[in-house]
Amino acid sequence: MGRRSDHSREELEALILDAGQNLMAQVGFAHFSAREVAKRIGYSVGTIMHLFSSVDHLVLAINSRTFLLWTAWLEERLSGVSGNDRIYALVQGYFDFAAHHHNLWSAIYEHRLPADMAMPDAHNELRGCLMTLVEQEIAAVLPHVEQDEVARLARSLVASVHGHCAFALSGSFALLGEDAPLDLAMQRVIDTLRAQGAPSF
């Protein structure tokens, strides 16, 4: 494996993030370690800390990459879909991404920033791509609603879908005797959009 002199800073950052995201996907947040990332790429932990300053910054960067992966996943599922089916595809895509990339998806919510560490603007921007996509789809079915309200509604609907998805993947819905959590989540979304005046649902 190449040593420090074999890669530029940008190449090394990409190498670390590729290995880190692969490790996160395999073992999850609870078993993630910068030491294992370093071992996989043939560099020292000190090199990783020099570039990312802390494990929290490294996990933050990996999770932000997951948001981009997630957004691309949803965009692919919306491709060629029209009308109300786009809302269905969006909710289905949320569940599917969480199921197919469970460790990456869970790491987003399991990682907590230290109290003295703010979310960098660059990461807020990367993560915002997902909500922008959701807002665009909601605005398309609620063209009469102001953008500020669309944004608030999008956050609320994502929270609702997330809760249903998390309950489904944790087995909590099964314990409650519910065997169609995706249908429940979709119905909550439809009910909300109808209440906001969506004419076609």
N, C-alpha and C. Protein backbone atom coordinates (compact mmCIF):
# COMPACT_ATOMS: atom_id res chain seq x y z
N MET A 1 0.85 -1.19 0.00
CA MET A 1 0.00 0.00 0.00
C MET A 1 0.88 1.23 0.00
N GLY A 2 0.46 2.26 -0.74
CA GLY A 2 1.25 3.49 -0.84
C GLY A 2 1.39 4.19 0.48
N ARG A 3 2.51 4.91 0.62
CA ARG A 3 2.72 5.68 1.83
C ARG A 3 2.38 7.13 1.57
N ARG A 4 2.63 7.98 2.55
CA ARG A 4 2.20 9.36 2.52
C ARG A 4 2.64 10.10 1.26
N SER A 5 3.86 9.86 0.81
CA SER A 5 4.39 10.61 -0.32
C SER A 5 3.74 10.21 -1.65
N ASP A 6 2.95 9.13 -1.65
CA ASP A 6 2.37 8.64 -2.89
C ASP A 6 1.06 9.33 -3.25
N HIS A 7 0.50 10.13 -2.35
CA HIS A 7 -0.80 10.74 -2.58
C HIS A 7 -0.78 12.23 -2.25
N SER A 8 -1.52 12.99 -3.05
CA SER A 8 -1.74 14.39 -2.70
C SER A 8 -2.72 14.44 -1.53
N ARG A 9 -2.86 15.61 -0.94
CA ARG A 9 -3.80 15.75 0.18
C ARG A 9 -5.23 15.37 -0.26
N GLU A 10 -5.62 15.84 -1.44
CA GLU A 10 -6.97 15.55 -1.92
C GLU A 10 -7.16 14.05 -2.17
N GLU A 11 -6.14 13.44 -2.75
CA GLU A 11 -6.22 11.99 -3.00
C GLU A 11 -6.29 11.21 -1.69
N LEU A 12 -5.52 11.64 -0.72
CA LEU A 12 -5.49 10.94 0.56
C LEU A 12 -6.82 11.10 1.30
N GLU A 13 -7.40 12.29 1.25
CA GLU A 13 -8.72 12.49 1.87
C GLU A 13 -9.75 11.57 1.24
N ALA A 14 -9.73 11.49 -0.08
CA ALA A 14 -10.68 10.62 -0.78
C ALA A 14 -10.45 9.16 -0.42
N LEU A 15 -9.18 8.76 -0.31
CA LEU A 15 -8.83 7.39 0.06
C LEU A 15 -9.36 7.05 1.45
N ILE A 16 -9.16 7.98 2.37
CA ILE A 16 -9.63 7.78 3.75
C ILE A 16 -11.15 7.69 3.80
N LEU A 17 -11.82 8.59 3.08
CA LEU A 17 -13.29 8.61 3.12
C LEU A 17 -13.88 7.38 2.43
N ASP A 18 -13.26 6.93 1.35
CA ASP A 18 -13.72 5.70 0.70
C ASP A 18 -13.62 4.52 1.66
N ALA A 19 -12.44 4.38 2.29
CA ALA A 19 -12.24 3.28 3.22
C ALA A 19 -13.14 3.42 4.44
N GLY A 20 -13.30 4.65 4.93
CA GLY A 20 -14.13 4.88 6.10
C GLY A 20 -15.59 4.58 5.83
N GLN A 21 -16.08 4.97 4.67
CA GLN A 21 -17.48 4.69 4.36
C GLN A 21 -17.70 3.19 4.16
N ASN A 22 -16.75 2.53 3.53
CA ASN A 22 -16.86 1.07 3.37
C ASN A 22 -16.86 0.36 4.73
N LEU A 23 -15.99 0.82 5.63
CA LEU A 23 -15.94 0.23 6.96
C LEU A 23 -17.25 0.49 7.71
N MET A 24 -17.75 1.71 7.63
CA MET A 24 -19.01 2.03 8.31
C MET A 24 -20.14 1.16 7.79
N ALA A 25 -20.17 0.94 6.48
CA ALA A 25 -21.21 0.10 5.89
C ALA A 25 -21.12 -1.34 6.39
N GLN A 26 -19.91 -1.79 6.66
CA GLN A 26 -19.70 -3.17 7.08
C GLN A 26 -19.97 -3.39 8.56
N VAL A 27 -19.48 -2.48 9.40
CA VAL A 27 -19.52 -2.75 10.85
C VAL A 27 -20.45 -1.82 11.63
N GLY A 28 -20.88 -0.72 11.05
CA GLY A 28 -21.75 0.20 11.76
C GLY A 28 -20.99 1.15 12.66
N PHE A 29 -21.71 2.14 13.16
CA PHE A 29 -21.08 3.20 13.94
C PHE A 29 -20.46 2.68 15.24
N ALA A 30 -21.13 1.77 15.91
CA ALA A 30 -20.67 1.28 17.21
C ALA A 30 -19.30 0.62 17.13
N HIS A 31 -18.96 0.03 15.99
CA HIS A 31 -17.70 -0.70 15.85
C HIS A 31 -16.73 0.00 14.90
N PHE A 32 -17.06 1.22 14.53
CA PHE A 32 -16.19 1.98 13.64
C PHE A 32 -14.96 2.48 14.39
N SER A 33 -13.80 2.46 13.72
CA SER A 33 -12.60 3.01 14.34
C SER A 33 -11.68 3.60 13.29
N ALA A 34 -11.08 4.73 13.63
CA ALA A 34 -10.11 5.37 12.73
C ALA A 34 -8.89 4.46 12.57
N ARG A 35 -8.56 3.71 13.60
CA ARG A 35 -7.41 2.81 13.53
C ARG A 35 -7.61 1.75 12.44
N GLU A 36 -8.82 1.24 12.34
CA GLU A 36 -9.10 0.24 11.31
C GLU A 36 -9.06 0.87 9.92
N VAL A 37 -9.55 2.11 9.81
CA VAL A 37 -9.46 2.81 8.52
C VAL A 37 -8.00 2.95 8.11
N ALA A 38 -7.17 3.39 9.07
CA ALA A 38 -5.74 3.56 8.80
C ALA A 38 -5.10 2.25 8.36
N LYS A 39 -5.47 1.17 9.04
CA LYS A 39 -4.93 -0.15 8.71
C LYS A 39 -5.28 -0.54 7.28
N ARG A 40 -6.51 -0.23 6.87
CA ARG A 40 -6.97 -0.63 5.54
C ARG A 40 -6.28 0.13 4.42
N ILE A 41 -5.86 1.35 4.69
CA ILE A 41 -5.23 2.14 3.63
C ILE A 41 -3.71 2.19 3.75
N GLY A 42 -3.15 1.61 4.81
CA GLY A 42 -1.71 1.55 4.96
C GLY A 42 -1.07 2.84 5.44
N TYR A 43 -1.84 3.64 6.14
CA TYR A 43 -1.32 4.88 6.74
C TYR A 43 -1.51 4.81 8.25
N SER A 44 -0.93 5.77 8.95
CA SER A 44 -1.06 5.81 10.40
C SER A 44 -2.33 6.55 10.80
N VAL A 45 -2.79 6.28 12.02
CA VAL A 45 -3.92 7.03 12.57
C VAL A 45 -3.56 8.51 12.63
N GLY A 46 -2.30 8.81 12.92
CA GLY A 46 -1.86 10.20 12.98
C GLY A 46 -2.09 10.93 11.67
N THR A 47 -1.92 10.24 10.56
CA THR A 47 -2.17 10.86 9.25
C THR A 47 -3.63 11.23 9.11
N ILE A 48 -4.52 10.33 9.54
CA ILE A 48 -5.96 10.61 9.48
C ILE A 48 -6.32 11.79 10.37
N MET A 49 -5.76 11.82 11.58
CA MET A 49 -6.05 12.91 12.50
C MET A 49 -5.48 14.23 11.99
N HIS A 50 -4.36 14.16 11.29
CA HIS A 50 -3.78 15.38 10.72
C HIS A 50 -4.73 15.99 9.69
N LEU A 51 -5.39 15.14 8.91
CA LEU A 51 -6.29 15.62 7.86
C LEU A 51 -7.68 15.98 8.37
N PHE A 52 -8.17 15.22 9.36
CA PHE A 52 -9.55 15.41 9.81
C PHE A 52 -9.65 15.95 11.24
N SER A 53 -8.55 16.02 11.94
CA SER A 53 -8.41 16.60 13.28
C SER A 53 -9.03 15.78 14.41
N SER A 54 -10.06 14.99 14.12
CA SER A 54 -10.66 14.15 15.16
C SER A 54 -11.51 13.07 14.52
N VAL A 55 -11.84 12.05 15.30
CA VAL A 55 -12.72 11.00 14.80
C VAL A 55 -14.10 11.57 14.50
N ASP A 56 -14.54 12.54 15.32
CA ASP A 56 -15.85 13.16 15.07
C ASP A 56 -15.89 13.84 13.71
N HIS A 57 -14.81 14.53 13.34
CA HIS A 57 -14.78 15.18 12.03
C HIS A 57 -14.75 14.13 10.91
N LEU A 58 -14.07 13.02 11.14
CA LEU A 58 -14.04 11.96 10.15
C LEU A 58 -15.43 11.35 9.96
N VAL A 59 -16.10 11.02 11.04
CA VAL A 59 -17.45 10.45 10.95
C VAL A 59 -18.40 11.45 10.33
N LEU A 60 -18.25 12.71 10.68
CA LEU A 60 -19.08 13.76 10.10
C LEU A 60 -18.94 13.77 8.58
N ALA A 61 -17.71 13.67 8.10
CA ALA A 61 -17.47 13.68 6.65
C ALA A 61 -18.04 12.44 5.98
N ILE A 62 -17.90 11.30 6.65
CA ILE A 62 -18.47 10.06 6.10
C ILE A 62 -19.99 10.15 6.03
N ASN A 63 -20.61 10.65 7.08
CA ASN A 63 -22.06 10.78 7.10
C ASN A 63 -22.56 11.77 6.05
N SER A 64 -21.80 12.83 5.82
CA SER A 64 -22.19 13.78 4.79
C SER A 64 -22.14 13.13 3.41
N ARG A 65 -21.14 12.27 3.20
CA ARG A 65 -21.07 11.51 1.94
C ARG A 65 -22.29 10.59 1.81
N THR A 66 -22.74 10.05 2.93
CA THR A 66 -23.91 9.18 2.89
C THR A 66 -25.14 9.96 2.46
N PHE A 67 -25.25 11.21 2.88
CA PHE A 67 -26.37 12.04 2.43
C PHE A 67 -26.35 12.19 0.91
N LEU A 68 -25.16 12.35 0.34
CA LEU A 68 -25.07 12.46 -1.12
C LEU A 68 -25.46 11.15 -1.78
N LEU A 69 -25.03 10.03 -1.22
CA LEU A 69 -25.40 8.71 -1.74
C LEU A 69 -26.91 8.52 -1.66
N TRP A 70 -27.49 8.94 -0.56
CA TRP A 70 -28.92 8.83 -0.31
C TRP A 70 -29.71 9.68 -1.31
N THR A 71 -29.26 10.90 -1.53
CA THR A 71 -29.94 11.79 -2.47
C THR A 71 -29.89 11.21 -3.87
N ALA A 72 -28.73 10.69 -4.27
CA ALA A 72 -28.60 10.08 -5.60
C ALA A 72 -29.51 8.86 -5.73
N TRP A 73 -29.64 8.10 -4.64
CA TRP A 73 -30.52 6.92 -4.61
C TRP A 73 -31.96 7.35 -4.88
N LEU A 74 -32.41 8.41 -4.22
CA LEU A 74 -33.78 8.89 -4.41
C LEU A 74 -33.98 9.46 -5.80
N GLU A 75 -33.00 10.19 -6.29
CA GLU A 75 -33.11 10.76 -7.65
C GLU A 75 -33.24 9.66 -8.69
N GLU A 76 -32.52 8.57 -8.48
CA GLU A 76 -32.62 7.45 -9.41
C GLU A 76 -34.01 6.85 -9.41
N ARG A 77 -34.62 6.75 -8.25
CA ARG A 77 -35.96 6.17 -8.15
C ARG A 77 -37.04 7.11 -8.65
N LEU A 78 -36.75 8.40 -8.68
CA LEU A 78 -37.71 9.36 -9.22
C LEU A 78 -37.59 9.49 -10.73
N SER A 79 -36.49 9.00 -11.28
CA SER A 79 -36.25 9.12 -12.72
C SER A 79 -37.35 8.40 -13.51
N GLY A 80 -37.97 9.13 -14.41
CA GLY A 80 -39.00 8.55 -15.26
C GLY A 80 -40.35 8.39 -14.61
N VAL A 81 -40.48 8.83 -13.35
CA VAL A 81 -41.75 8.72 -12.62
C VAL A 81 -42.45 10.08 -12.66
N SER A 82 -43.76 10.08 -12.80
CA SER A 82 -44.50 11.34 -12.90
C SER A 82 -45.70 11.37 -11.98
N GLY A 83 -46.25 12.56 -11.80
CA GLY A 83 -47.47 12.74 -11.02
C GLY A 83 -47.33 12.31 -9.57
N ASN A 84 -48.44 11.83 -9.03
CA ASN A 84 -48.46 11.41 -7.63
C ASN A 84 -47.50 10.26 -7.34
N ASP A 85 -47.18 9.50 -8.38
CA ASP A 85 -46.28 8.37 -8.18
C ASP A 85 -44.91 8.81 -7.68
N ARG A 86 -44.56 10.08 -7.90
CA ARG A 86 -43.27 10.57 -7.43
C ARG A 86 -43.23 10.61 -5.90
N ILE A 87 -44.36 10.95 -5.28
CA ILE A 87 -44.41 10.94 -3.81
C ILE A 87 -44.29 9.51 -3.30
N TYR A 88 -44.99 8.59 -3.95
CA TYR A 88 -44.88 7.19 -3.56
C TYR A 88 -43.44 6.70 -3.70
N ALA A 89 -42.81 7.07 -4.82
CA ALA A 89 -41.43 6.64 -5.07
C ALA A 89 -40.48 7.22 -4.03
N LEU A 90 -40.76 8.43 -3.58
CA LEU A 90 -39.91 9.09 -2.59
C LEU A 90 -39.97 8.35 -1.25
N VAL A 91 -41.18 8.03 -0.81
CA VAL A 91 -41.34 7.32 0.46
C VAL A 91 -40.77 5.90 0.37
N GLN A 92 -41.08 5.22 -0.73
CA GLN A 92 -40.53 3.88 -0.94
C GLN A 92 -39.00 3.92 -0.97
N GLY A 93 -38.47 4.96 -1.63
CA GLY A 93 -37.02 5.10 -1.73
C GLY A 93 -36.36 5.32 -0.38
N TYR A 94 -37.05 6.05 0.51
CA TYR A 94 -36.53 6.27 1.86
C TYR A 94 -36.38 4.93 2.58
N PHE A 95 -37.45 4.14 2.55
CA PHE A 95 -37.41 2.83 3.20
C PHE A 95 -36.34 1.93 2.58
N ASP A 96 -36.27 1.94 1.25
CA ASP A 96 -35.33 1.05 0.57
C ASP A 96 -33.88 1.42 0.88
N PHE A 97 -33.58 2.73 0.90
CA PHE A 97 -32.21 3.12 1.19
C PHE A 97 -31.82 2.68 2.59
N ALA A 98 -32.69 2.92 3.55
CA ALA A 98 -32.40 2.53 4.93
C ALA A 98 -32.19 1.03 5.06
N ALA A 99 -32.96 0.25 4.31
CA ALA A 99 -32.84 -1.20 4.39
C ALA A 99 -31.57 -1.70 3.70
N HIS A 100 -31.23 -1.11 2.56
CA HIS A 100 -30.07 -1.57 1.79
C HIS A 100 -28.74 -1.02 2.32
N HIS A 101 -28.80 0.12 3.01
CA HIS A 101 -27.59 0.75 3.55
C HIS A 101 -27.79 1.02 5.04
N HIS A 102 -28.21 -0.01 5.75
CA HIS A 102 -28.68 0.19 7.12
C HIS A 102 -27.62 0.79 8.03
N ASN A 103 -26.40 0.28 7.97
CA ASN A 103 -25.35 0.79 8.86
C ASN A 103 -25.00 2.24 8.53
N LEU A 104 -24.93 2.57 7.25
CA LEU A 104 -24.63 3.96 6.87
C LEU A 104 -25.77 4.88 7.30
N TRP A 105 -26.98 4.46 7.07
CA TRP A 105 -28.16 5.25 7.44
C TRP A 105 -28.22 5.44 8.95
N SER A 106 -28.00 4.38 9.70
CA SER A 106 -28.07 4.46 11.16
C SER A 106 -26.98 5.37 11.72
N ALA A 107 -25.80 5.34 11.11
CA ALA A 107 -24.68 6.14 11.61
C ALA A 107 -24.99 7.62 11.61
N ILE A 108 -25.81 8.06 10.66
CA ILE A 108 -26.19 9.47 10.60
C ILE A 108 -26.86 9.89 11.90
N TYR A 109 -27.69 9.02 12.45
CA TYR A 109 -28.48 9.35 13.64
C TYR A 109 -27.80 8.92 14.94
N GLU A 110 -26.88 7.99 14.85
CA GLU A 110 -26.18 7.53 16.05
C GLU A 110 -25.05 8.47 16.45
N HIS A 111 -24.44 9.13 15.47
CA HIS A 111 -23.32 10.02 15.76
C HIS A 111 -23.83 11.35 16.32
N ARG A 112 -23.28 11.78 17.42
CA ARG A 112 -23.62 13.07 18.03
C ARG A 112 -22.38 13.95 18.07
N LEU A 113 -22.52 15.16 17.59
CA LEU A 113 -21.40 16.09 17.65
C LEU A 113 -21.14 16.50 19.09
N PRO A 114 -19.89 16.67 19.48
CA PRO A 114 -19.59 17.21 20.81
C PRO A 114 -20.25 18.57 20.99
N ALA A 115 -20.52 18.93 22.23
CA ALA A 115 -21.22 20.18 22.52
C ALA A 115 -20.49 21.41 21.99
N ASP A 116 -19.17 21.32 21.92
CA ASP A 116 -18.39 22.47 21.48
C ASP A 116 -18.04 22.43 19.99
N MET A 117 -18.68 21.53 19.25
CA MET A 117 -18.39 21.38 17.83
C MET A 117 -19.63 21.70 17.00
N ALA A 118 -19.55 22.74 16.20
CA ALA A 118 -20.67 23.13 15.35
C ALA A 118 -20.59 22.40 14.01
N MET A 119 -21.73 22.22 13.39
CA MET A 119 -21.76 21.62 12.06
C MET A 119 -21.18 22.61 11.05
N PRO A 120 -20.10 22.28 10.37
CA PRO A 120 -19.53 23.20 9.38
C PRO A 120 -20.52 23.51 8.26
N ASP A 121 -20.47 24.71 7.73
CA ASP A 121 -21.40 25.13 6.68
C ASP A 121 -21.33 24.20 5.46
N ALA A 122 -20.13 23.76 5.11
CA ALA A 122 -19.98 22.90 3.94
C ALA A 122 -20.76 21.59 4.11
N HIS A 123 -20.78 21.07 5.32
CA HIS A 123 -21.52 19.83 5.57
C HIS A 123 -23.02 20.08 5.62
N ASN A 124 -23.42 21.22 6.16
CA ASN A 124 -24.84 21.58 6.11
C ASN A 124 -25.34 21.65 4.69
N GLU A 125 -24.50 22.19 3.81
CA GLU A 125 -24.88 22.31 2.40
C GLU A 125 -25.01 20.94 1.75
N LEU A 126 -24.06 20.05 2.02
CA LEU A 126 -24.13 18.70 1.46
C LEU A 126 -25.38 17.97 1.95
N ARG A 127 -25.65 18.06 3.22
CA ARG A 127 -26.78 17.36 3.81
C ARG A 127 -28.10 17.97 3.38
N GLY A 128 -28.08 19.26 3.05
CA GLY A 128 -29.29 19.95 2.64
C GLY A 128 -29.82 19.49 1.29
N CYS A 129 -28.99 18.81 0.51
CA CYS A 129 -29.44 18.36 -0.81
C CYS A 129 -30.63 17.41 -0.69
N LEU A 130 -30.64 16.60 0.33
CA LEU A 130 -31.74 15.65 0.52
C LEU A 130 -33.05 16.38 0.79
N MET A 131 -33.02 17.34 1.71
CA MET A 131 -34.24 18.08 2.03
C MET A 131 -34.69 18.94 0.86
N THR A 132 -33.75 19.47 0.10
CA THR A 132 -34.11 20.24 -1.09
C THR A 132 -34.90 19.38 -2.06
N LEU A 133 -34.47 18.14 -2.24
CA LEU A 133 -35.18 17.22 -3.12
C LEU A 133 -36.60 16.97 -2.62
N VAL A 134 -36.74 16.73 -1.32
CA VAL A 134 -38.06 16.49 -0.75
C VAL A 134 -38.95 17.73 -0.90
N GLU A 135 -38.39 18.89 -0.63
CA GLU A 135 -39.15 20.13 -0.75
C GLU A 135 -39.64 20.35 -2.18
N GLN A 136 -38.82 20.03 -3.15
CA GLN A 136 -39.21 20.20 -4.54
C GLN A 136 -40.40 19.32 -4.89
N GLU A 137 -40.40 18.10 -4.39
CA GLU A 137 -41.50 17.18 -4.68
C GLU A 137 -42.79 17.62 -3.98
N ILE A 138 -42.68 18.13 -2.78
CA ILE A 138 -43.86 18.60 -2.06
C ILE A 138 -44.41 19.86 -2.72
N ALA A 139 -43.52 20.76 -3.11
CA ALA A 139 -43.95 22.00 -3.78
C ALA A 139 -44.68 21.69 -5.08
N ALA A 140 -44.30 20.61 -5.74
CA ALA A 140 -44.93 20.26 -7.02
C ALA A 140 -46.39 19.85 -6.84
N VAL A 141 -46.72 19.25 -5.68
CA VAL A 141 -48.11 18.84 -5.45
C VAL A 141 -48.88 19.87 -4.63
N LEU A 142 -48.15 20.86 -4.09
CA LEU A 142 -48.78 21.94 -3.33
C LEU A 142 -48.29 23.29 -3.86
N PRO A 143 -48.59 23.58 -5.13
CA PRO A 143 -48.06 24.82 -5.74
C PRO A 143 -48.59 26.10 -5.11
N HIS A 144 -49.69 26.00 -4.37
CA HIS A 144 -50.30 27.18 -3.75
C HIS A 144 -49.69 27.51 -2.38
N VAL A 145 -48.83 26.63 -1.86
CA VAL A 145 -48.28 26.82 -0.52
C VAL A 145 -46.96 27.58 -0.60
N GLU A 146 -46.78 28.55 0.30
CA GLU A 146 -45.55 29.34 0.32
C GLU A 146 -44.34 28.46 0.62
N GLN A 147 -43.18 28.87 0.09
CA GLN A 147 -41.97 28.06 0.21
C GLN A 147 -41.58 27.80 1.66
N ASP A 148 -41.71 28.81 2.52
CA ASP A 148 -41.35 28.61 3.93
C ASP A 148 -42.19 27.51 4.56
N GLU A 149 -43.48 27.48 4.21
CA GLU A 149 -44.36 26.46 4.76
C GLU A 149 -44.06 25.09 4.14
N VAL A 150 -43.69 25.09 2.87
CA VAL A 150 -43.29 23.83 2.22
C VAL A 150 -42.08 23.24 2.94
N ALA A 151 -41.12 24.09 3.29
CA ALA A 151 -39.92 23.62 3.98
C ALA A 151 -40.27 23.02 5.34
N ARG A 152 -41.16 23.69 6.08
CA ARG A 152 -41.58 23.18 7.39
C ARG A 152 -42.33 21.86 7.24
N LEU A 153 -43.18 21.79 6.24
CA LEU A 153 -43.95 20.58 5.99
C LEU A 153 -43.02 19.43 5.59
N ALA A 154 -42.02 19.73 4.78
CA ALA A 154 -41.07 18.70 4.37
C ALA A 154 -40.36 18.11 5.58
N ARG A 155 -39.93 18.96 6.50
CA ARG A 155 -39.24 18.46 7.70
C ARG A 155 -40.16 17.57 8.52
N SER A 156 -41.42 17.96 8.62
CA SER A 156 -42.37 17.18 9.40
C SER A 156 -42.65 15.82 8.74
N LEU A 157 -42.80 15.82 7.42
CA LEU A 157 -43.07 14.57 6.72
C LEU A 157 -41.87 13.63 6.76
N VAL A 158 -40.67 14.18 6.62
CA VAL A 158 -39.48 13.35 6.72
C VAL A 158 -39.39 12.72 8.11
N ALA A 159 -39.71 13.50 9.13
CA ALA A 159 -39.69 12.97 10.50
C ALA A 159 -40.69 11.83 10.67
N SER A 160 -41.87 11.99 10.07
CA SER A 160 -42.89 10.95 10.15
C SER A 160 -42.45 9.68 9.43
N VAL A 161 -41.95 9.84 8.20
CA VAL A 161 -41.49 8.68 7.44
C VAL A 161 -40.31 8.02 8.15
N HIS A 162 -39.41 8.85 8.67
CA HIS A 162 -38.26 8.30 9.38
C HIS A 162 -38.70 7.46 10.58
N GLY A 163 -39.65 7.96 11.33
CA GLY A 163 -40.13 7.21 12.50
C GLY A 163 -40.71 5.87 12.11
N HIS A 164 -41.52 5.85 11.07
CA HIS A 164 -42.08 4.59 10.60
C HIS A 164 -40.98 3.65 10.13
N CYS A 165 -40.01 4.20 9.41
CA CYS A 165 -38.91 3.39 8.89
C CYS A 165 -38.06 2.82 10.03
N ALA A 166 -37.74 3.65 11.00
CA ALA A 166 -36.93 3.21 12.13
C ALA A 166 -37.65 2.12 12.92
N PHE A 167 -38.94 2.29 13.14
CA PHE A 167 -39.72 1.28 13.85
C PHE A 167 -39.74 -0.03 13.05
N ALA A 168 -39.85 0.09 11.74
CA ALA A 168 -39.88 -1.12 10.90
C ALA A 168 -38.56 -1.87 10.98
N LEU A 169 -37.45 -1.16 10.85
CA LEU A 169 -36.15 -1.82 10.81
C LEU A 169 -35.72 -2.34 12.17
N SER A 170 -36.19 -1.72 13.24
CA SER A 170 -35.83 -2.18 14.57
C SER A 170 -36.67 -3.37 15.04
N GLY A 171 -37.74 -3.66 14.28
CA GLY A 171 -38.64 -4.74 14.68
C GLY A 171 -39.75 -4.29 15.61
N SER A 172 -39.80 -3.01 15.93
CA SER A 172 -40.81 -2.51 16.86
C SER A 172 -42.22 -2.65 16.30
N PHE A 173 -42.39 -2.39 15.00
CA PHE A 173 -43.71 -2.54 14.40
C PHE A 173 -44.16 -3.99 14.43
N ALA A 174 -43.23 -4.91 14.19
CA ALA A 174 -43.58 -6.33 14.23
C ALA A 174 -44.07 -6.72 15.61
N LEU A 175 -43.43 -6.18 16.65
CA LEU A 175 -43.85 -6.47 18.02
C LEU A 175 -45.25 -5.92 18.30
N LEU A 176 -45.60 -4.85 17.59
CA LEU A 176 -46.93 -4.26 17.75
C LEU A 176 -47.98 -4.94 16.86
N GLY A 177 -47.53 -5.91 16.07
CA GLY A 177 -48.46 -6.64 15.22
C GLY A 177 -48.72 -5.96 13.89
N GLU A 178 -47.89 -4.97 13.53
CA GLU A 178 -48.07 -4.25 12.27
C GLU A 178 -47.13 -4.83 11.22
N ASP A 179 -47.70 -5.25 10.08
CA ASP A 179 -46.87 -5.89 9.07
C ASP A 179 -46.75 -5.07 7.78
N ALA A 180 -47.26 -3.84 7.78
CA ALA A 180 -47.17 -3.01 6.58
C ALA A 180 -46.78 -1.58 6.94
N PRO A 181 -45.62 -1.38 7.54
CA PRO A 181 -45.22 -0.04 7.97
C PRO A 181 -45.04 0.95 6.83
N LEU A 182 -44.62 0.47 5.66
CA LEU A 182 -44.49 1.36 4.52
C LEU A 182 -45.84 1.92 4.12
N ASP A 183 -46.86 1.07 4.11
CA ASP A 183 -48.20 1.54 3.79
C ASP A 183 -48.69 2.58 4.80
N LEU A 184 -48.37 2.35 6.08
CA LEU A 184 -48.76 3.32 7.11
C LEU A 184 -48.08 4.66 6.88
N ALA A 185 -46.79 4.62 6.59
CA ALA A 185 -46.05 5.86 6.36
C ALA A 185 -46.61 6.60 5.15
N MET A 186 -46.90 5.85 4.09
CA MET A 186 -47.44 6.48 2.89
C MET A 186 -48.80 7.11 3.16
N GLN A 187 -49.62 6.44 3.95
CA GLN A 187 -50.95 6.99 4.25
C GLN A 187 -50.84 8.27 5.07
N ARG A 188 -49.89 8.33 5.99
CA ARG A 188 -49.70 9.55 6.78
C ARG A 188 -49.29 10.70 5.87
N VAL A 189 -48.42 10.42 4.91
CA VAL A 189 -47.99 11.45 3.97
C VAL A 189 -49.16 11.93 3.13
N ILE A 190 -49.94 11.00 2.61
CA ILE A 190 -51.11 11.36 1.80
C ILE A 190 -52.10 12.17 2.61
N ASP A 191 -52.38 11.73 3.83
CA ASP A 191 -53.33 12.46 4.69
C ASP A 191 -52.87 13.90 4.90
N THR A 192 -51.57 14.08 5.12
CA THR A 192 -51.03 15.41 5.36
C THR A 192 -51.13 16.28 4.11
N LEU A 193 -50.79 15.71 2.96
CA LEU A 193 -50.85 16.47 1.72
C LEU A 193 -52.29 16.85 1.37
N ARG A 194 -53.22 15.92 1.61
CA ARG A 194 -54.63 16.24 1.39
C ARG A 194 -55.10 17.37 2.30
N ALA A 195 -54.67 17.31 3.56
CA ALA A 195 -55.07 18.35 4.52
C ALA A 195 -54.51 19.70 4.12
N GLN A 196 -53.41 19.70 3.37
CA GLN A 196 -52.82 20.96 2.91
C GLN A 196 -53.38 21.39 1.55
N GLY A 197 -54.33 20.63 1.04
CA GLY A 197 -55.00 21.03 -0.18
C GLY A 197 -54.46 20.45 -1.46
N ALA A 198 -53.71 19.35 -1.38
CA ALA A 198 -53.21 18.71 -2.61
C ALA A 198 -54.41 18.23 -3.40
N PRO A 199 -54.62 18.71 -4.60
CA PRO A 199 -55.85 18.42 -5.33
C PRO A 199 -55.93 17.03 -5.92
N SER A 200 -54.81 16.37 -6.11
CA SER A 200 -54.81 15.13 -6.89
C SER A 200 -54.73 13.86 -6.05
N PHE A 201 -54.61 13.98 -4.73
CA PHE A 201 -54.55 12.79 -3.89
C PHE A 201 -55.92 12.41 -3.37
